[in-house]
Amino acid sequence: MPLDPPQTSTSDITWVVNGRYSANSATSFQVHITTEGPSDEDEGDACLQALVDLLTTRFAGVSGTKGYTSYTTRNMTLS
């Protein structure tokens, strides 16, 4: 059975906030943001920015990232 051409799809979006308790601290934190239901990408972006703004005033080295998960599928076809 031959394979169909691969089809790449983009799936989940992940937003992550990283930081440290203080500049010299060994304690760090990581906050993951997920959306449920019909939430859109803009809502996750806004939440990420709000958390970065809030946490930057209290903790060191705060940064936010946004990532996409993609995967490739191939269907089997009859020969």
PDB file of N, CA and C in Angstrom:
ATOM      1  N   MET A   1       0.846  -1.176   0.000  1.00  0.00           N
ATOM      2  CA  MET A   1       0.000   0.000   0.000  1.00  0.00           C
ATOM      3  C   MET A   1       0.896   1.244   0.000  1.00  0.00           C
ATOM      4  N   PRO A   2       0.773   2.072  -1.001  1.00  0.00           N
ATOM      5  CA  PRO A   2       1.574   3.306  -1.034  1.00  0.00           C
ATOM      6  C   PRO A   2       1.018   4.351  -0.072  1.00  0.00           C
ATOM      7  N   LEU A   3       1.843   5.315   0.226  1.00  0.00           N
ATOM      8  CA  LEU A   3       1.450   6.406   1.122  1.00  0.00           C
ATOM      9  C   LEU A   3       1.057   7.636   0.323  1.00  0.00           C
ATOM     10  N   ASP A   4       0.057   8.355   0.810  1.00  0.00           N
ATOM     11  CA  ASP A   4      -0.294   9.655   0.237  1.00  0.00           C
ATOM     12  C   ASP A   4       0.844  10.633   0.510  1.00  0.00           C
ATOM     13  N   PRO A   5       0.899  11.742  -0.238  1.00  0.00           N
ATOM     14  CA  PRO A   5       1.881  12.787   0.102  1.00  0.00           C
ATOM     15  C   PRO A   5       1.657  13.275   1.531  1.00  0.00           C
ATOM     16  N   PRO A   6       2.714  13.631   2.241  1.00  0.00           N
ATOM     17  CA  PRO A   6       2.541  14.087   3.629  1.00  0.00           C
ATOM     18  C   PRO A   6       1.735  15.370   3.714  1.00  0.00           C
ATOM     19  N   GLN A   7       0.965  15.491   4.760  1.00  0.00           N
ATOM     20  CA  GLN A   7       0.177  16.688   5.017  1.00  0.00           C
ATOM     21  C   GLN A   7       0.565  17.210   6.395  1.00  0.00           C
ATOM     22  N   THR A   8       1.093  18.414   6.446  1.00  0.00           N
ATOM     23  CA  THR A   8       1.491  19.007   7.716  1.00  0.00           C
ATOM     24  C   THR A   8       0.379  19.915   8.209  1.00  0.00           C
ATOM     25  N   SER A   9       0.034  19.750   9.457  1.00  0.00           N
ATOM     26  CA  SER A   9      -1.006  20.563  10.072  1.00  0.00           C
ATOM     27  C   SER A   9      -0.446  21.240  11.314  1.00  0.00           C
ATOM     28  N   THR A  10      -0.925  22.430  11.578  1.00  0.00           N
ATOM     29  CA  THR A  10      -0.568  23.106  12.816  1.00  0.00           C
ATOM     30  C   THR A  10      -1.663  22.829  13.820  1.00  0.00           C
ATOM     31  N   SER A  11      -1.259  22.466  15.011  1.00  0.00           N
ATOM     32  CA  SER A  11      -2.215  22.080  16.032  1.00  0.00           C
ATOM     33  C   SER A  11      -2.238  23.112  17.150  1.00  0.00           C
ATOM     34  N   ASP A  12      -1.837  22.697  18.318  1.00  0.00           N
ATOM     35  CA  ASP A  12      -1.945  23.521  19.514  1.00  0.00           C
ATOM     36  C   ASP A  12      -0.965  24.686  19.517  1.00  0.00           C
ATOM     37  N   ILE A  13      -1.352  25.732  20.225  1.00  0.00           N
ATOM     38  CA  ILE A  13      -0.478  26.868  20.490  1.00  0.00           C
ATOM     39  C   ILE A  13      -0.197  26.860  21.983  1.00  0.00           C
ATOM     40  N   THR A  14       1.048  27.076  22.350  1.00  0.00           N
ATOM     41  CA  THR A  14       1.433  27.097  23.756  1.00  0.00           C
ATOM     42  C   THR A  14       2.082  28.429  24.076  1.00  0.00           C
ATOM     43  N   TRP A  15       1.644  29.032  25.155  1.00  0.00           N
ATOM     44  CA  TRP A  15       2.248  30.263  25.660  1.00  0.00           C
ATOM     45  C   TRP A  15       2.918  29.923  26.973  1.00  0.00           C
ATOM     46  N   VAL A  16       4.149  30.401  27.192  1.00  0.00           N
ATOM     47  CA  VAL A  16       4.903  30.082  28.402  1.00  0.00           C
ATOM     48  C   VAL A  16       5.560  31.352  28.924  1.00  0.00           C
ATOM     49  N   VAL A  17       5.489  31.538  30.246  1.00  0.00           N
ATOM     50  CA  VAL A  17       6.183  32.631  30.920  1.00  0.00           C
ATOM     51  C   VAL A  17       7.243  32.001  31.823  1.00  0.00           C
ATOM     52  N   ASN A  18       8.488  32.459  31.707  1.00  0.00           N
ATOM     53  CA  ASN A  18       9.596  31.984  32.534  1.00  0.00           C
ATOM     54  C   ASN A  18      10.153  33.131  33.347  1.00  0.00           C
ATOM     55  N   GLY A  19      10.711  32.806  34.503  1.00  0.00           N
ATOM     56  CA  GLY A  19      11.353  33.827  35.316  1.00  0.00           C
ATOM     57  C   GLY A  19      12.090  33.216  36.489  1.00  0.00           C
ATOM     58  N   ARG A  20      12.722  34.069  37.276  1.00  0.00           N
ATOM     59  CA  ARG A  20      13.467  33.657  38.467  1.00  0.00           C
ATOM     60  C   ARG A  20      12.951  34.447  39.665  1.00  0.00           C
ATOM     61  N   TYR A  21      13.090  33.853  40.856  1.00  0.00           N
ATOM     62  CA  TYR A  21      12.642  34.526  42.069  1.00  0.00           C
ATOM     63  C   TYR A  21      13.408  35.830  42.271  1.00  0.00           C
ATOM     64  N   SER A  22      14.714  35.802  42.042  1.00  0.00           N
ATOM     65  CA  SER A  22      15.538  37.007  42.068  1.00  0.00           C
ATOM     66  C   SER A  22      16.724  36.783  41.135  1.00  0.00           C
ATOM     67  N   ALA A  23      17.492  37.820  40.902  1.00  0.00           N
ATOM     68  CA  ALA A  23      18.596  37.718  39.953  1.00  0.00           C
ATOM     69  C   ALA A  23      19.615  36.661  40.357  1.00  0.00           C
ATOM     70  N   ASN A  24      19.841  36.471  41.653  1.00  0.00           N
ATOM     71  CA  ASN A  24      20.832  35.508  42.134  1.00  0.00           C
ATOM     72  C   ASN A  24      20.209  34.234  42.678  1.00  0.00           C
ATOM     73  N   SER A  25      18.934  34.053  42.469  1.00  0.00           N
ATOM     74  CA  SER A  25      18.222  32.913  43.041  1.00  0.00           C
ATOM     75  C   SER A  25      18.349  31.671  42.169  1.00  0.00           C
ATOM     76  N   ALA A  26      18.375  30.511  42.825  1.00  0.00           N
ATOM     77  CA  ALA A  26      18.347  29.232  42.116  1.00  0.00           C
ATOM     78  C   ALA A  26      16.911  28.790  41.854  1.00  0.00           C
ATOM     79  N   THR A  27      15.964  29.554  42.367  1.00  0.00           N
ATOM     80  CA  THR A  27      14.550  29.220  42.200  1.00  0.00           C
ATOM     81  C   THR A  27      13.991  29.907  40.959  1.00  0.00           C
ATOM     82  N   SER A  28      13.440  29.101  40.072  1.00  0.00           N
ATOM     83  CA  SER A  28      12.837  29.658  38.858  1.00  0.00           C
ATOM     84  C   SER A  28      11.392  29.191  38.761  1.00  0.00           C
ATOM     85  N   PHE A  29      10.646  29.803  37.876  1.00  0.00           N
ATOM     86  CA  PHE A  29       9.251  29.401  37.665  1.00  0.00           C
ATOM     87  C   PHE A  29       8.934  29.371  36.188  1.00  0.00           C
ATOM     88  N   GLN A  30       7.896  28.613  35.871  1.00  0.00           N
ATOM     89  CA  GLN A  30       7.413  28.518  34.499  1.00  0.00           C
ATOM     90  C   GLN A  30       5.894  28.399  34.557  1.00  0.00           C
ATOM     91  N   VAL A  31       5.208  29.266  33.837  1.00  0.00           N
ATOM     92  CA  VAL A  31       3.743  29.268  33.794  1.00  0.00           C
ATOM     93  C   VAL A  31       3.315  28.957  32.369  1.00  0.00           C
ATOM     94  N   HIS A  32       2.453  27.944  32.212  1.00  0.00           N
ATOM     95  CA  HIS A  32       1.930  27.582  30.898  1.00  0.00           C
ATOM     96  C   HIS A  32       0.509  28.118  30.772  1.00  0.00           C
ATOM     97  N   ILE A  33       0.201  28.673  29.629  1.00  0.00           N
ATOM     98  CA  ILE A  33      -1.134  29.204  29.362  1.00  0.00           C
ATOM     99  C   ILE A  33      -1.763  28.330  28.291  1.00  0.00           C
ATOM    100  N   THR A  34      -2.959  27.852  28.541  1.00  0.00           N
ATOM    101  CA  THR A  34      -3.688  27.076  27.543  1.00  0.00           C
ATOM    102  C   THR A  34      -5.056  27.708  27.337  1.00  0.00           C
ATOM    103  N   THR A  35      -5.620  27.487  26.174  1.00  0.00           N
ATOM    104  CA  THR A  35      -6.969  27.970  25.890  1.00  0.00           C
ATOM    105  C   THR A  35      -7.902  26.772  25.805  1.00  0.00           C
ATOM    106  N   GLU A  36      -9.119  26.964  26.244  1.00  0.00           N
ATOM    107  CA  GLU A  36     -10.121  25.911  26.208  1.00  0.00           C
ATOM    108  C   GLU A  36     -11.309  26.384  25.394  1.00  0.00           C
ATOM    109  N   GLY A  37     -11.891  25.474  24.670  1.00  0.00           N
ATOM    110  CA  GLY A  37     -13.071  25.807  23.888  1.00  0.00           C
ATOM    111  C   GLY A  37     -12.749  26.717  22.726  1.00  0.00           C
ATOM    112  N   PRO A  38     -13.657  27.616  22.425  1.00  0.00           N
ATOM    113  CA  PRO A  38     -13.511  28.439  21.209  1.00  0.00           C
ATOM    114  C   PRO A  38     -12.635  29.679  21.393  1.00  0.00           C
ATOM    115  N   SER A  39     -11.715  29.653  22.371  1.00  0.00           N
ATOM    116  CA  SER A  39     -10.828  30.802  22.558  1.00  0.00           C
ATOM    117  C   SER A  39      -9.985  30.999  21.321  1.00  0.00           C
ATOM    118  N   ASP A  40      -9.640  32.231  21.073  1.00  0.00           N
ATOM    119  CA  ASP A  40      -8.814  32.484  19.893  1.00  0.00           C
ATOM    120  C   ASP A  40      -7.390  32.831  20.289  1.00  0.00           C
ATOM    121  N   GLU A  41      -6.538  32.897  19.305  1.00  0.00           N
ATOM    122  CA  GLU A  41      -5.124  33.160  19.516  1.00  0.00           C
ATOM    123  C   GLU A  41      -4.881  34.517  20.165  1.00  0.00           C
ATOM    124  N   ASP A  42      -5.680  35.502  19.818  1.00  0.00           N
ATOM    125  CA  ASP A  42      -5.519  36.845  20.378  1.00  0.00           C
ATOM    126  C   ASP A  42      -5.689  36.846  21.900  1.00  0.00           C
ATOM    127  N   GLU A  43      -6.595  36.020  22.400  1.00  0.00           N
ATOM    128  CA  GLU A  43      -6.826  35.944  23.835  1.00  0.00           C
ATOM    129  C   GLU A  43      -5.604  35.384  24.555  1.00  0.00           C
ATOM    130  N   GLY A  44      -4.989  34.357  24.007  1.00  0.00           N
ATOM    131  CA  GLY A  44      -3.771  33.799  24.584  1.00  0.00           C
ATOM    132  C   GLY A  44      -2.629  34.794  24.537  1.00  0.00           C
ATOM    133  N   ASP A  45      -2.514  35.524  23.421  1.00  0.00           N
ATOM    134  CA  ASP A  45      -1.486  36.555  23.301  1.00  0.00           C
ATOM    135  C   ASP A  45      -1.666  37.634  24.364  1.00  0.00           C
ATOM    136  N   ALA A  46      -2.902  38.054  24.580  1.00  0.00           N
ATOM    137  CA  ALA A  46      -3.194  39.098  25.566  1.00  0.00           C
ATOM    138  C   ALA A  46      -2.883  38.610  26.978  1.00  0.00           C
ATOM    139  N   CYS A  47      -3.213  37.366  27.268  1.00  0.00           N
ATOM    140  CA  CYS A  47      -2.935  36.798  28.590  1.00  0.00           C
ATOM    141  C   CYS A  47      -1.428  36.715  28.824  1.00  0.00           C
ATOM    142  N   LEU A  48      -0.685  36.281  27.820  1.00  0.00           N
ATOM    143  CA  LEU A  48       0.773  36.213  27.923  1.00  0.00           C
ATOM    144  C   LEU A  48       1.361  37.588  28.220  1.00  0.00           C
ATOM    145  N   GLN A  49       0.926  38.595  27.482  1.00  0.00           N
ATOM    146  CA  GLN A  49       1.461  39.944  27.681  1.00  0.00           C
ATOM    147  C   GLN A  49       1.112  40.480  29.067  1.00  0.00           C
ATOM    148  N   ALA A  50      -0.110  40.230  29.516  1.00  0.00           N
ATOM    149  CA  ALA A  50      -0.532  40.706  30.838  1.00  0.00           C
ATOM    150  C   ALA A  50       0.293  40.058  31.951  1.00  0.00           C
ATOM    151  N   LEU A  51       0.551  38.756  31.831  1.00  0.00           N
ATOM    152  CA  LEU A  51       1.346  38.078  32.851  1.00  0.00           C
ATOM    153  C   LEU A  51       2.793  38.553  32.849  1.00  0.00           C
ATOM    154  N   VAL A  52       3.369  38.733  31.673  1.00  0.00           N
ATOM    155  CA  VAL A  52       4.745  39.242  31.591  1.00  0.00           C
ATOM    156  C   VAL A  52       4.825  40.624  32.234  1.00  0.00           C
ATOM    157  N   ASP A  53       3.879  41.494  31.904  1.00  0.00           N
ATOM    158  CA  ASP A  53       3.859  42.847  32.480  1.00  0.00           C
ATOM    159  C   ASP A  53       3.726  42.796  34.004  1.00  0.00           C
ATOM    160  N   LEU A  54       2.857  41.950  34.508  1.00  0.00           N
ATOM    161  CA  LEU A  54       2.617  41.844  35.937  1.00  0.00           C
ATOM    162  C   LEU A  54       3.829  41.266  36.677  1.00  0.00           C
ATOM    163  N   LEU A  55       4.388  40.178  36.158  1.00  0.00           N
ATOM    164  CA  LEU A  55       5.471  39.490  36.854  1.00  0.00           C
ATOM    165  C   LEU A  55       6.812  40.211  36.745  1.00  0.00           C
ATOM    166  N   THR A  56       7.001  41.004  35.707  1.00  0.00           N
ATOM    167  CA  THR A  56       8.256  41.736  35.527  1.00  0.00           C
ATOM    168  C   THR A  56       8.495  42.733  36.654  1.00  0.00           C
ATOM    169  N   THR A  57       7.431  43.260  37.236  1.00  0.00           N
ATOM    170  CA  THR A  57       7.575  44.236  38.312  1.00  0.00           C
ATOM    171  C   THR A  57       8.062  43.604  39.613  1.00  0.00           C
ATOM    172  N   ARG A  58       7.947  42.284  39.750  1.00  0.00           N
ATOM    173  CA  ARG A  58       8.299  41.617  41.012  1.00  0.00           C
ATOM    174  C   ARG A  58       9.451  40.620  40.894  1.00  0.00           C
ATOM    175  N   PHE A  59       9.625  39.987  39.733  1.00  0.00           N
ATOM    176  CA  PHE A  59      10.599  38.918  39.587  1.00  0.00           C
ATOM    177  C   PHE A  59      11.632  39.249  38.513  1.00  0.00           C
ATOM    178  N   ALA A  60      12.771  38.548  38.561  1.00  0.00           N
ATOM    179  CA  ALA A  60      13.874  38.800  37.627  1.00  0.00           C
ATOM    180  C   ALA A  60      13.787  37.890  36.399  1.00  0.00           C
ATOM    181  N   GLY A  61      14.312  38.379  35.300  1.00  0.00           N
ATOM    182  CA  GLY A  61      14.456  37.561  34.099  1.00  0.00           C
ATOM    183  C   GLY A  61      13.164  37.017  33.524  1.00  0.00           C
ATOM    184  N   VAL A  62      12.082  37.772  33.631  1.00  0.00           N
ATOM    185  CA  VAL A  62      10.791  37.294  33.128  1.00  0.00           C
ATOM    186  C   VAL A  62      10.753  37.432  31.605  1.00  0.00           C
ATOM    187  N   SER A  63      10.353  36.353  30.943  1.00  0.00           N
ATOM    188  CA  SER A  63      10.196  36.386  29.486  1.00  0.00           C
ATOM    189  C   SER A  63       9.002  35.539  29.095  1.00  0.00           C
ATOM    190  N   GLY A  64       8.425  35.854  27.971  1.00  0.00           N
ATOM    191  CA  GLY A  64       7.279  35.106  27.475  1.00  0.00           C
ATOM    192  C   GLY A  64       7.574  34.554  26.097  1.00  0.00           C
ATOM    193  N   THR A  65       7.103  33.348  25.839  1.00  0.00           N
ATOM    194  CA  THR A  65       7.279  32.733  24.523  1.00  0.00           C
ATOM    195  C   THR A  65       5.957  32.151  24.042  1.00  0.00           C
ATOM    196  N   LYS A  66       5.872  32.030  22.751  1.00  0.00           N
ATOM    197  CA  LYS A  66       4.684  31.464  22.113  1.00  0.00           C
ATOM    198  C   LYS A  66       5.177  30.416  21.124  1.00  0.00           C
ATOM    199  N   GLY A  67       4.626  29.211  21.203  1.00  0.00           N
ATOM    200  CA  GLY A  67       5.069  28.147  20.321  1.00  0.00           C
ATOM    201  C   GLY A  67       3.913  27.426  19.663  1.00  0.00           C
ATOM    202  N   TYR A  68       4.184  26.873  18.515  1.00  0.00           N
ATOM    203  CA  TYR A  68       3.195  26.112  17.768  1.00  0.00           C
ATOM    204  C   TYR A  68       3.623  24.651  17.697  1.00  0.00           C
ATOM    205  N   THR A  69       2.681  23.755  17.802  1.00  0.00           N
ATOM    206  CA  THR A  69       2.949  22.334  17.646  1.00  0.00           C
ATOM    207  C   THR A  69       2.444  21.925  16.263  1.00  0.00           C
ATOM    208  N   SER A  70       3.315  21.317  15.489  1.00  0.00           N
ATOM    209  CA  SER A  70       2.875  20.848  14.176  1.00  0.00           C
ATOM    210  C   SER A  70       3.170  19.362  14.051  1.00  0.00           C
ATOM    211  N   TYR A  71       2.452  18.714  13.177  1.00  0.00           N
ATOM    212  CA  TYR A  71       2.649  17.293  12.980  1.00  0.00           C
ATOM    213  C   TYR A  71       2.395  16.960  11.517  1.00  0.00           C
ATOM    214  N   THR A  72       2.930  15.843  11.073  1.00  0.00           N
ATOM    215  CA  THR A  72       2.779  15.405   9.690  1.00  0.00           C
ATOM    216  C   THR A  72       2.046  14.071   9.675  1.00  0.00           C
ATOM    217  N   THR A  73       1.058  13.972   8.816  1.00  0.00           N
ATOM    218  CA  THR A  73       0.314  12.719   8.695  1.00  0.00           C
ATOM    219  C   THR A  73       0.379  12.217   7.264  1.00  0.00           C
ATOM    220  N   ARG A  74       0.294  10.912   7.107  1.00  0.00           N
ATOM    221  CA  ARG A  74       0.211  10.282   5.789  1.00  0.00           C
ATOM    222  C   ARG A  74      -0.854   9.203   5.856  1.00  0.00           C
ATOM    223  N   ASN A  75      -1.764   9.221   4.922  1.00  0.00           N
ATOM    224  CA  ASN A  75      -2.794   8.203   4.850  1.00  0.00           C
ATOM    225  C   ASN A  75      -2.337   7.070   3.943  1.00  0.00           C
ATOM    226  N   MET A  76      -2.745   5.877   4.258  1.00  0.00           N
ATOM    227  CA  MET A  76      -2.462   4.722   3.391  1.00  0.00           C
ATOM    228  C   MET A  76      -3.513   4.668   2.308  1.00  0.00           C
ATOM    229  N   THR A  77      -3.081   4.381   1.091  1.00  0.00           N
ATOM    230  CA  THR A  77      -4.020   4.237  -0.018  1.00  0.00           C
ATOM    231  C   THR A  77      -3.935   2.808  -0.536  1.00  0.00           C
ATOM    232  N   LEU A  78      -5.013   2.328  -1.099  1.00  0.00           N
ATOM    233  CA  LEU A  78      -5.033   0.971  -1.648  1.00  0.00           C
ATOM    234  C   LEU A  78      -4.150   0.906  -2.887  1.00  0.00           C
ATOM    235  N   SER A  79      -3.448  -0.188  -3.034  1.00  0.00           N
ATOM    236  CA  SER A  79      -2.589  -0.331  -4.210  1.00  0.00           C
ATOM    237  C   SER A  79      -3.336  -0.955  -5.371  1.00  0.00           C
TER     238      SER A  79
END
